[in-house]
Amino acid sequence: MITTCPECGGQVSDSAPSCPHCGFTPYRQAPVMSAQQRPIIVREKPGFLDAKANLAGCIWAIVLIPAVIVFALIAAAAC
């Protein structure tokens, strides 16, 4: 089927890889890779030395420990 090139307006076959007039390539197809060629992506879990994970734990400790102490003091004062 013949289509019109959006870049130059020339007549282009829809099976052509690019426009023969201006070289416009509207659809660049990615190469098809088989399952054996695909890269394996490994995502690691945050470890002991991960700053963000340790910061979250420290924030919970800073909030939770004083809350437990205050609750214990209020419970002891009520008795």
PDB file of N, CA and C in Angstrom:
ATOM      1  N   MET A   1       0.843  -1.172   0.000  1.00  0.00           N
ATOM      2  CA  MET A   1       0.000   0.000   0.000  1.00  0.00           C
ATOM      3  C   MET A   1       0.896   1.246   0.000  1.00  0.00           C
ATOM      4  N   ILE A   2       0.499   2.245  -0.729  1.00  0.00           N
ATOM      5  CA  ILE A   2       1.268   3.485  -0.837  1.00  0.00           C
ATOM      6  C   ILE A   2       0.719   4.494   0.155  1.00  0.00           C
ATOM      7  N   THR A   3       1.625   5.117   0.903  1.00  0.00           N
ATOM      8  CA  THR A   3       1.246   6.163   1.856  1.00  0.00           C
ATOM      9  C   THR A   3       2.029   7.427   1.546  1.00  0.00           C
ATOM     10  N   THR A   4       1.697   8.475   2.264  1.00  0.00           N
ATOM     11  CA  THR A   4       2.376   9.757   2.087  1.00  0.00           C
ATOM     12  C   THR A   4       3.360   9.958   3.229  1.00  0.00           C
ATOM     13  N   CYS A   5       4.578  10.344   2.894  1.00  0.00           N
ATOM     14  CA  CYS A   5       5.602  10.611   3.913  1.00  0.00           C
ATOM     15  C   CYS A   5       5.206  11.864   4.699  1.00  0.00           C
ATOM     16  N   PRO A   6       5.169  11.784   6.036  1.00  0.00           N
ATOM     17  CA  PRO A   6       4.803  12.952   6.829  1.00  0.00           C
ATOM     18  C   PRO A   6       5.871  14.048   6.813  1.00  0.00           C
ATOM     19  N   GLU A   7       7.077  13.701   6.405  1.00  0.00           N
ATOM     20  CA  GLU A   7       8.179  14.666   6.413  1.00  0.00           C
ATOM     21  C   GLU A   7       8.233  15.476   5.110  1.00  0.00           C
ATOM     22  N   CYS A   8       8.205  14.777   3.959  1.00  0.00           N
ATOM     23  CA  CYS A   8       8.376  15.490   2.687  1.00  0.00           C
ATOM     24  C   CYS A   8       7.127  15.452   1.804  1.00  0.00           C
ATOM     25  N   GLY A   9       6.162  14.599   2.139  1.00  0.00           N
ATOM     26  CA  GLY A   9       4.941  14.508   1.346  1.00  0.00           C
ATOM     27  C   GLY A   9       5.053  13.597   0.145  1.00  0.00           C
ATOM     28  N   GLY A  10       6.157  12.906  -0.021  1.00  0.00           N
ATOM     29  CA  GLY A  10       6.354  12.005  -1.156  1.00  0.00           C
ATOM     30  C   GLY A  10       5.599  10.701  -0.971  1.00  0.00           C
ATOM     31  N   GLN A  11       5.439   9.958  -2.044  1.00  0.00           N
ATOM     32  CA  GLN A  11       4.757   8.681  -2.018  1.00  0.00           C
ATOM     33  C   GLN A  11       5.729   7.587  -1.571  1.00  0.00           C
ATOM     34  N   VAL A  12       5.321   6.800  -0.557  1.00  0.00           N
ATOM     35  CA  VAL A  12       6.183   5.785   0.028  1.00  0.00           C
ATOM     36  C   VAL A  12       5.383   4.505   0.209  1.00  0.00           C
ATOM     37  N   SER A  13       5.998   3.389  -0.091  1.00  0.00           N
ATOM     38  CA  SER A  13       5.375   2.106   0.181  1.00  0.00           C
ATOM     39  C   SER A  13       5.387   1.863   1.687  1.00  0.00           C
ATOM     40  N   ASP A  14       4.309   1.261   2.213  1.00  0.00           N
ATOM     41  CA  ASP A  14       4.268   1.021   3.656  1.00  0.00           C
ATOM     42  C   ASP A  14       5.217  -0.093   4.080  1.00  0.00           C
ATOM     43  N   SER A  15       5.759  -0.828   3.132  1.00  0.00           N
ATOM     44  CA  SER A  15       6.732  -1.861   3.479  1.00  0.00           C
ATOM     45  C   SER A  15       8.174  -1.351   3.381  1.00  0.00           C
ATOM     46  N   ALA A  16       8.363  -0.112   2.937  1.00  0.00           N
ATOM     47  CA  ALA A  16       9.707   0.464   2.835  1.00  0.00           C
ATOM     48  C   ALA A  16      10.216   0.818   4.227  1.00  0.00           C
ATOM     49  N   PRO A  17      11.487   0.583   4.503  1.00  0.00           N
ATOM     50  CA  PRO A  17      12.024   0.911   5.835  1.00  0.00           C
ATOM     51  C   PRO A  17      12.145   2.413   6.061  1.00  0.00           C
ATOM     52  N   SER A  18      12.273   3.197   4.966  1.00  0.00           N
ATOM     53  CA  SER A  18      12.365   4.643   5.099  1.00  0.00           C
ATOM     54  C   SER A  18      11.895   5.282   3.798  1.00  0.00           C
ATOM     55  N   CYS A  19      11.686   6.582   3.836  1.00  0.00           N
ATOM     56  CA  CYS A  19      11.244   7.305   2.643  1.00  0.00           C
ATOM     57  C   CYS A  19      12.403   7.369   1.646  1.00  0.00           C
ATOM     58  N   PRO A  20      12.165   6.990   0.376  1.00  0.00           N
ATOM     59  CA  PRO A  20      13.252   7.045  -0.604  1.00  0.00           C
ATOM     60  C   PRO A  20      13.598   8.467  -1.013  1.00  0.00           C
ATOM     61  N   HIS A  21      12.729   9.430  -0.718  1.00  0.00           N
ATOM     62  CA  HIS A  21      12.962  10.825  -1.104  1.00  0.00           C
ATOM     63  C   HIS A  21      13.793  11.581  -0.060  1.00  0.00           C
ATOM     64  N   CYS A  22      13.395  11.435   1.206  1.00  0.00           N
ATOM     65  CA  CYS A  22      14.076  12.232   2.243  1.00  0.00           C
ATOM     66  C   CYS A  22      14.784  11.382   3.291  1.00  0.00           C
ATOM     67  N   GLY A  23      14.518  10.073   3.308  1.00  0.00           N
ATOM     68  CA  GLY A  23      15.178   9.196   4.276  1.00  0.00           C
ATOM     69  C   GLY A  23      14.474   9.136   5.613  1.00  0.00           C
ATOM     70  N   PHE A  24      13.292   9.736   5.719  1.00  0.00           N
ATOM     71  CA  PHE A  24      12.557   9.734   6.984  1.00  0.00           C
ATOM     72  C   PHE A  24      12.211   8.300   7.380  1.00  0.00           C
ATOM     73  N   THR A  25      12.471   7.964   8.641  1.00  0.00           N
ATOM     74  CA  THR A  25      12.174   6.640   9.165  1.00  0.00           C
ATOM     75  C   THR A  25      11.146   6.803  10.272  1.00  0.00           C
ATOM     76  N   PRO A  26       9.859   6.612   9.961  1.00  0.00           N
ATOM     77  CA  PRO A  26       8.841   6.867  10.967  1.00  0.00           C
ATOM     78  C   PRO A  26       8.811   5.841  12.091  1.00  0.00           C
ATOM     79  N   TYR A  27       9.073   4.607  11.773  1.00  0.00           N
ATOM     80  CA  TYR A  27       8.981   3.566  12.782  1.00  0.00           C
ATOM     81  C   TYR A  27      10.261   2.747  12.771  1.00  0.00           C
ATOM     82  N   ARG A  28      11.066   2.976  13.768  1.00  0.00           N
ATOM     83  CA  ARG A  28      12.279   2.172  13.900  1.00  0.00           C
ATOM     84  C   ARG A  28      11.923   0.995  14.799  1.00  0.00           C
ATOM     85  N   GLN A  29      12.006  -0.160  14.267  1.00  0.00           N
ATOM     86  CA  GLN A  29      11.656  -1.343  15.024  1.00  0.00           C
ATOM     87  C   GLN A  29      12.868  -1.835  15.799  1.00  0.00           C
ATOM     88  N   ALA A  30      12.623  -2.161  17.042  1.00  0.00           N
ATOM     89  CA  ALA A  30      13.691  -2.708  17.870  1.00  0.00           C
ATOM     90  C   ALA A  30      13.958  -4.136  17.424  1.00  0.00           C
ATOM     91  N   PRO A  31      15.195  -4.555  17.467  1.00  0.00           N
ATOM     92  CA  PRO A  31      15.482  -5.935  17.075  1.00  0.00           C
ATOM     93  C   PRO A  31      14.793  -6.908  18.031  1.00  0.00           C
ATOM     94  N   VAL A  32      14.279  -7.979  17.480  1.00  0.00           N
ATOM     95  CA  VAL A  32      13.593  -8.984  18.276  1.00  0.00           C
ATOM     96  C   VAL A  32      14.641  -9.898  18.886  1.00  0.00           C
ATOM     97  N   MET A  33      14.564 -10.064  20.209  1.00  0.00           N
ATOM     98  CA  MET A  33      15.532 -10.905  20.899  1.00  0.00           C
ATOM     99  C   MET A  33      14.831 -12.155  21.409  1.00  0.00           C
ATOM    100  N   SER A  34      15.494 -13.270  21.326  1.00  0.00           N
ATOM    101  CA  SER A  34      14.932 -14.503  21.853  1.00  0.00           C
ATOM    102  C   SER A  34      15.099 -14.512  23.373  1.00  0.00           C
ATOM    103  N   ALA A  35      14.481 -15.473  24.013  1.00  0.00           N
ATOM    104  CA  ALA A  35      14.552 -15.561  25.473  1.00  0.00           C
ATOM    105  C   ALA A  35      15.982 -15.790  25.947  1.00  0.00           C
ATOM    106  N   GLN A  36      16.800 -16.435  25.130  1.00  0.00           N
ATOM    107  CA  GLN A  36      18.182 -16.698  25.523  1.00  0.00           C
ATOM    108  C   GLN A  36      19.047 -15.448  25.412  1.00  0.00           C
ATOM    109  N   GLN A  37      18.668 -14.490  24.566  1.00  0.00           N
ATOM    110  CA  GLN A  37      19.469 -13.288  24.370  1.00  0.00           C
ATOM    111  C   GLN A  37      19.079 -12.165  25.321  1.00  0.00           C
ATOM    112  N   ARG A  38      17.915 -12.255  25.950  1.00  0.00           N
ATOM    113  CA  ARG A  38      17.459 -11.169  26.816  1.00  0.00           C
ATOM    114  C   ARG A  38      18.335 -11.058  28.047  1.00  0.00           C
ATOM    115  N   PRO A  39      18.665  -9.831  28.437  1.00  0.00           N
ATOM    116  CA  PRO A  39      19.496  -9.671  29.638  1.00  0.00           C
ATOM    117  C   PRO A  39      18.697  -9.998  30.890  1.00  0.00           C
ATOM    118  N   ILE A  40      19.367 -10.530  31.874  1.00  0.00           N
ATOM    119  CA  ILE A  40      18.739 -10.847  33.152  1.00  0.00           C
ATOM    120  C   ILE A  40      19.011  -9.686  34.099  1.00  0.00           C
ATOM    121  N   ILE A  41      17.953  -9.134  34.652  1.00  0.00           N
ATOM    122  CA  ILE A  41      18.080  -8.007  35.565  1.00  0.00           C
ATOM    123  C   ILE A  41      17.943  -8.534  36.986  1.00  0.00           C
ATOM    124  N   VAL A  42      18.941  -8.269  37.800  1.00  0.00           N
ATOM    125  CA  VAL A  42      18.941  -8.725  39.184  1.00  0.00           C
ATOM    126  C   VAL A  42      18.788  -7.502  40.073  1.00  0.00           C
ATOM    127  N   ARG A  43      17.754  -7.531  40.889  1.00  0.00           N
ATOM    128  CA  ARG A  43      17.538  -6.430  41.830  1.00  0.00           C
ATOM    129  C   ARG A  43      17.877  -6.935  43.227  1.00  0.00           C
ATOM    130  N   GLU A  44      18.711  -6.193  43.901  1.00  0.00           N
ATOM    131  CA  GLU A  44      19.140  -6.617  45.224  1.00  0.00           C
ATOM    132  C   GLU A  44      18.243  -5.994  46.281  1.00  0.00           C
ATOM    133  N   LYS A  45      18.048  -6.740  47.345  1.00  0.00           N
ATOM    134  CA  LYS A  45      17.310  -6.210  48.485  1.00  0.00           C
ATOM    135  C   LYS A  45      18.247  -5.299  49.264  1.00  0.00           C
ATOM    136  N   PRO A  46      17.696  -4.288  49.953  1.00  0.00           N
ATOM    137  CA  PRO A  46      18.571  -3.425  50.739  1.00  0.00           C
ATOM    138  C   PRO A  46      19.260  -4.221  51.841  1.00  0.00           C
ATOM    139  N   GLY A  47      20.519  -3.987  51.987  1.00  0.00           N
ATOM    140  CA  GLY A  47      21.301  -4.732  52.970  1.00  0.00           C
ATOM    141  C   GLY A  47      21.515  -3.955  54.250  1.00  0.00           C
ATOM    142  N   PHE A  48      22.392  -4.488  55.068  1.00  0.00           N
ATOM    143  CA  PHE A  48      22.680  -3.895  56.373  1.00  0.00           C
ATOM    144  C   PHE A  48      23.263  -2.491  56.244  1.00  0.00           C
ATOM    145  N   LEU A  49      24.046  -2.260  55.215  1.00  0.00           N
ATOM    146  CA  LEU A  49      24.699  -0.973  55.051  1.00  0.00           C
ATOM    147  C   LEU A  49      23.916  -0.002  54.168  1.00  0.00           C
ATOM    148  N   ASP A  50      22.660  -0.325  53.853  1.00  0.00           N
ATOM    149  CA  ASP A  50      21.841   0.550  53.034  1.00  0.00           C
ATOM    150  C   ASP A  50      21.356   1.719  53.885  1.00  0.00           C
ATOM    151  N   ALA A  51      21.727   2.938  53.500  1.00  0.00           N
ATOM    152  CA  ALA A  51      21.434   4.122  54.304  1.00  0.00           C
ATOM    153  C   ALA A  51      19.935   4.376  54.436  1.00  0.00           C
ATOM    154  N   LYS A  52      19.180   4.197  53.365  1.00  0.00           N
ATOM    155  CA  LYS A  52      17.740   4.474  53.430  1.00  0.00           C
ATOM    156  C   LYS A  52      17.017   3.489  54.343  1.00  0.00           C
ATOM    157  N   ALA A  53      17.361   2.218  54.263  1.00  0.00           N
ATOM    158  CA  ALA A  53      16.724   1.223  55.118  1.00  0.00           C
ATOM    159  C   ALA A  53      17.075   1.470  56.576  1.00  0.00           C
ATOM    160  N   ASN A  54      18.317   1.814  56.859  1.00  0.00           N
ATOM    161  CA  ASN A  54      18.728   2.096  58.237  1.00  0.00           C
ATOM    162  C   ASN A  54      18.071   3.360  58.766  1.00  0.00           C
ATOM    163  N   LEU A  55      17.877   4.357  57.915  1.00  0.00           N
ATOM    164  CA  LEU A  55      17.234   5.591  58.344  1.00  0.00           C
ATOM    165  C   LEU A  55      15.791   5.324  58.742  1.00  0.00           C
ATOM    166  N   ALA A  56      15.093   4.496  57.982  1.00  0.00           N
ATOM    167  CA  ALA A  56      13.705   4.171  58.311  1.00  0.00           C
ATOM    168  C   ALA A  56      13.640   3.447  59.655  1.00  0.00           C
ATOM    169  N   GLY A  57      14.556   2.549  59.907  1.00  0.00           N
ATOM    170  CA  GLY A  57      14.584   1.849  61.184  1.00  0.00           C
ATOM    171  C   GLY A  57      14.887   2.783  62.338  1.00  0.00           C
ATOM    172  N   CYS A  58      15.774   3.732  62.135  1.00  0.00           N
ATOM    173  CA  CYS A  58      16.111   4.690  63.183  1.00  0.00           C
ATOM    174  C   CYS A  58      14.927   5.600  63.502  1.00  0.00           C
ATOM    175  N   ILE A  59      14.207   6.009  62.471  1.00  0.00           N
ATOM    176  CA  ILE A  59      13.036   6.881  62.693  1.00  0.00           C
ATOM    177  C   ILE A  59      11.981   6.132  63.498  1.00  0.00           C
ATOM    178  N   TRP A  60      11.749   4.852  63.164  1.00  0.00           N
ATOM    179  CA  TRP A  60      10.778   4.071  63.931  1.00  0.00           C
ATOM    180  C   TRP A  60      11.237   3.934  65.382  1.00  0.00           C
ATOM    181  N   ALA A  61      12.517   3.728  65.613  1.00  0.00           N
ATOM    182  CA  ALA A  61      13.027   3.591  66.976  1.00  0.00           C
ATOM    183  C   ALA A  61      12.892   4.897  67.749  1.00  0.00           C
ATOM    184  N   ILE A  62      13.161   6.012  67.089  1.00  0.00           N
ATOM    185  CA  ILE A  62      13.076   7.313  67.754  1.00  0.00           C
ATOM    186  C   ILE A  62      11.636   7.641  68.127  1.00  0.00           C
ATOM    187  N   VAL A  63      10.683   7.217  67.332  1.00  0.00           N
ATOM    188  CA  VAL A  63       9.275   7.501  67.602  1.00  0.00           C
ATOM    189  C   VAL A  63       8.684   6.471  68.560  1.00  0.00           C
ATOM    190  N   LEU A  64       8.983   5.207  68.362  1.00  0.00           N
ATOM    191  CA  LEU A  64       8.335   4.131  69.109  1.00  0.00           C
ATOM    192  C   LEU A  64       8.830   4.022  70.551  1.00  0.00           C
ATOM    193  N   ILE A  65      10.112   4.107  70.770  1.00  0.00           N
ATOM    194  CA  ILE A  65      10.647   3.938  72.135  1.00  0.00           C
ATOM    195  C   ILE A  65      10.144   5.029  73.083  1.00  0.00           C
ATOM    196  N   PRO A  66      10.191   6.312  72.724  1.00  0.00           N
ATOM    197  CA  PRO A  66       9.632   7.317  73.638  1.00  0.00           C
ATOM    198  C   PRO A  66       8.121   7.143  73.846  1.00  0.00           C
ATOM    199  N   ALA A  67       7.398   6.708  72.834  1.00  0.00           N
ATOM    200  CA  ALA A  67       5.955   6.506  72.992  1.00  0.00           C
ATOM    201  C   ALA A  67       5.679   5.402  74.010  1.00  0.00           C
ATOM    202  N   VAL A  68       6.459   4.329  73.976  1.00  0.00           N
ATOM    203  CA  VAL A  68       6.286   3.239  74.936  1.00  0.00           C
ATOM    204  C   VAL A  68       6.639   3.717  76.342  1.00  0.00           C
ATOM    205  N   ILE A  69       7.689   4.507  76.475  1.00  0.00           N
ATOM    206  CA  ILE A  69       8.096   5.024  77.791  1.00  0.00           C
ATOM    207  C   ILE A  69       7.017   5.941  78.348  1.00  0.00           C
ATOM    208  N   VAL A  70       6.493   6.841  77.534  1.00  0.00           N
ATOM    209  CA  VAL A  70       5.441   7.760  77.989  1.00  0.00           C
ATOM    210  C   VAL A  70       4.197   6.968  78.393  1.00  0.00           C
ATOM    211  N   PHE A  71       3.825   5.966  77.601  1.00  0.00           N
ATOM    212  CA  PHE A  71       2.668   5.150  77.942  1.00  0.00           C
ATOM    213  C   PHE A  71       2.884   4.433  79.270  1.00  0.00           C
ATOM    214  N   ALA A  72       4.084   3.891  79.491  1.00  0.00           N
ATOM    215  CA  ALA A  72       4.393   3.197  80.746  1.00  0.00           C
ATOM    216  C   ALA A  72       4.350   4.156  81.924  1.00  0.00           C
ATOM    217  N   LEU A  73       4.854   5.365  81.767  1.00  0.00           N
ATOM    218  CA  LEU A  73       4.819   6.354  82.859  1.00  0.00           C
ATOM    219  C   LEU A  73       3.382   6.767  83.177  1.00  0.00           C
ATOM    220  N   ILE A  74       2.569   6.947  82.160  1.00  0.00           N
ATOM    221  CA  ILE A  74       1.156   7.319  82.407  1.00  0.00           C
ATOM    222  C   ILE A  74       0.427   6.169  83.068  1.00  0.00           C
ATOM    223  N   ALA A  75       0.691   4.938  82.655  1.00  0.00           N
ATOM    224  CA  ALA A  75       0.044   3.780  83.280  1.00  0.00           C
ATOM    225  C   ALA A  75       0.491   3.615  84.729  1.00  0.00           C
ATOM    226  N   ALA A  76       1.767   3.876  85.013  1.00  0.00           N
ATOM    227  CA  ALA A  76       2.291   3.749  86.374  1.00  0.00           C
ATOM    228  C   ALA A  76       1.738   4.850  87.266  1.00  0.00           C
ATOM    229  N   ALA A  77       1.523   6.040  86.726  1.00  0.00           N
ATOM    230  CA  ALA A  77       1.007   7.153  87.518  1.00  0.00           C
ATOM    231  C   ALA A  77      -0.480   6.964  87.812  1.00  0.00           C
ATOM    232  N   ALA A  78      -1.190   6.257  86.971  1.00  0.00           N
ATOM    233  CA  ALA A  78      -2.620   6.056  87.162  1.00  0.00           C
ATOM    234  C   ALA A  78      -2.895   5.013  88.254  1.00  0.00           C
ATOM    235  N   CYS A  79      -1.932   4.153  88.542  1.00  0.00           N
ATOM    236  CA  CYS A  79      -2.146   3.100  89.549  1.00  0.00           C
ATOM    237  C   CYS A  79      -2.053   3.605  90.943  1.00  0.00           C
TER     238      CYS A  79
END
